Amino acid sequence: MEQHSINPIERAIIETVYAMVKQQLTRTIPSIPAFNHRRLAYFLIETRRAAYKEAHIKRTLKQVLDEFEVEYHTYYNWREKWYLLLPRAIRIQLK
């Protein structure tokens, strides 16, 4: 599904990253970490799942994955690698 405009979540991420990079560039020795877009997508998927559960909104895993255009096998591969890196509060919601 192609979007022709930036949604509020995308805008928030862009603005936050932009502000962080600008701040780092003012330093004598900037520290701008690289990031893995797949890992970021996994964290966003799990964050959304946790928020749905906390709000008592029923969504299947398939529904959430469809929101991100991610397949089951990809999700489970990511989960195997990065689940333990999630903040504890999100992991608790996902149990």
Protein backbone atom coordinates (compact mmCIF):
# COMPACT_ATOMS: atom_id res chain seq x y z
CA MET A 1 0.00 0.00 0.00
CA GLU A 2 1.65 3.22 -1.15
CA GLN A 3 1.05 6.38 0.84
CA HIS A 4 1.23 9.78 -0.78
CA SER A 5 1.67 11.75 2.41
CA ILE A 6 3.48 11.35 5.71
CA ASN A 7 1.31 10.07 8.55
CA PRO A 8 1.63 11.41 12.14
CA ILE A 9 3.79 8.49 13.34
CA GLU A 10 6.19 8.86 10.43
CA ARG A 11 6.32 12.62 10.98
CA ALA A 12 7.09 12.17 14.70
CA ILE A 13 9.91 9.74 13.94
CA ILE A 14 11.37 12.01 11.26
CA GLU A 15 11.21 15.10 13.48
CA THR A 16 12.73 13.28 16.47
CA VAL A 17 15.60 11.84 14.41
CA TYR A 18 16.19 15.21 12.74
CA ALA A 19 16.36 17.02 16.10
CA MET A 20 18.74 14.40 17.52
CA VAL A 21 21.05 14.54 14.50
CA LYS A 22 21.07 18.36 14.48
CA GLN A 23 21.94 18.38 18.19
CA GLN A 24 24.78 15.91 17.66
CA LEU A 25 26.18 17.93 14.75
CA THR A 26 26.72 20.91 17.07
CA ARG A 27 29.24 18.86 19.08
CA THR A 28 32.94 18.82 18.37
CA ILE A 29 32.78 15.05 17.99
CA PRO A 30 29.26 14.11 16.88
CA SER A 31 27.88 10.70 17.72
CA ILE A 32 25.18 9.72 15.25
CA PRO A 33 24.45 6.01 15.60
CA ALA A 34 23.52 3.89 12.64
CA PHE A 35 20.23 2.03 12.90
CA ASN A 36 18.70 -1.08 11.45
CA HIS A 37 15.39 -0.26 9.77
CA ARG A 38 14.18 -3.84 10.19
CA ARG A 39 14.84 -3.76 13.93
CA LEU A 40 13.06 -0.41 14.15
CA ALA A 41 10.06 -1.88 12.30
CA TYR A 42 10.00 -4.83 14.73
CA PHE A 43 10.08 -2.47 17.74
CA LEU A 44 7.22 -0.43 16.26
CA ILE A 45 5.16 -3.58 15.61
CA GLU A 46 5.61 -4.76 19.20
CA THR A 47 4.93 -1.28 20.57
CA ARG A 48 1.65 -1.15 18.66
CA ARG A 49 0.69 -4.67 19.80
CA ALA A 50 1.39 -3.72 23.42
CA ALA A 51 -0.63 -0.51 23.12
CA TYR A 52 -3.60 -2.41 21.67
CA LYS A 53 -3.46 -4.95 24.50
CA GLU A 54 -3.18 -2.28 27.18
CA ALA A 55 -6.19 -0.48 25.70
CA HIS A 56 -8.11 -3.80 25.52
CA ILE A 57 -8.45 -3.49 21.75
CA LYS A 58 -8.44 -6.90 20.12
CA ARG A 59 -6.13 -7.22 17.12
CA THR A 60 -4.71 -10.44 15.80
CA LEU A 61 -1.03 -10.66 15.06
CA LYS A 62 -1.96 -10.92 11.37
CA GLN A 63 -3.89 -7.64 11.54
CA VAL A 64 -0.96 -5.82 13.11
CA LEU A 65 1.53 -7.33 10.68
CA ASP A 66 -0.71 -6.27 7.79
CA GLU A 67 -0.57 -2.69 9.11
CA PHE A 68 3.21 -2.87 8.60
CA GLU A 69 3.15 -5.03 5.46
CA VAL A 70 5.27 -7.67 7.21
CA GLU A 71 4.92 -11.44 6.75
CA TYR A 72 4.76 -13.97 9.61
CA HIS A 73 8.12 -15.56 8.82
CA THR A 74 9.82 -12.16 8.80
CA TYR A 75 8.18 -11.18 12.10
CA TYR A 76 9.17 -14.41 13.84
CA ASN A 77 12.73 -14.11 12.54
CA TRP A 78 12.92 -10.57 13.97
CA ARG A 79 11.29 -11.62 17.24
CA GLU A 80 13.87 -14.35 17.73
CA LYS A 81 16.67 -11.79 17.34
CA TRP A 82 15.33 -8.73 19.14
CA TYR A 83 12.55 -9.59 21.60
CA LEU A 84 14.84 -9.31 24.64
CA LEU A 85 15.86 -5.79 23.60
CA LEU A 86 12.31 -4.47 24.01
CA PRO A 87 11.60 -2.32 27.05
CA ARG A 88 10.32 -4.43 29.94
CA ALA A 89 6.95 -2.65 30.03
CA ILE A 90 6.26 -3.66 26.43
CA ARG A 91 7.40 -7.26 26.98
CA ILE A 92 5.01 -7.51 29.95
CA GLN A 93 2.07 -6.35 27.80
CA LEU A 94 2.92 -8.92 25.13
CA LYS A 95 2.79 -11.94 27.46
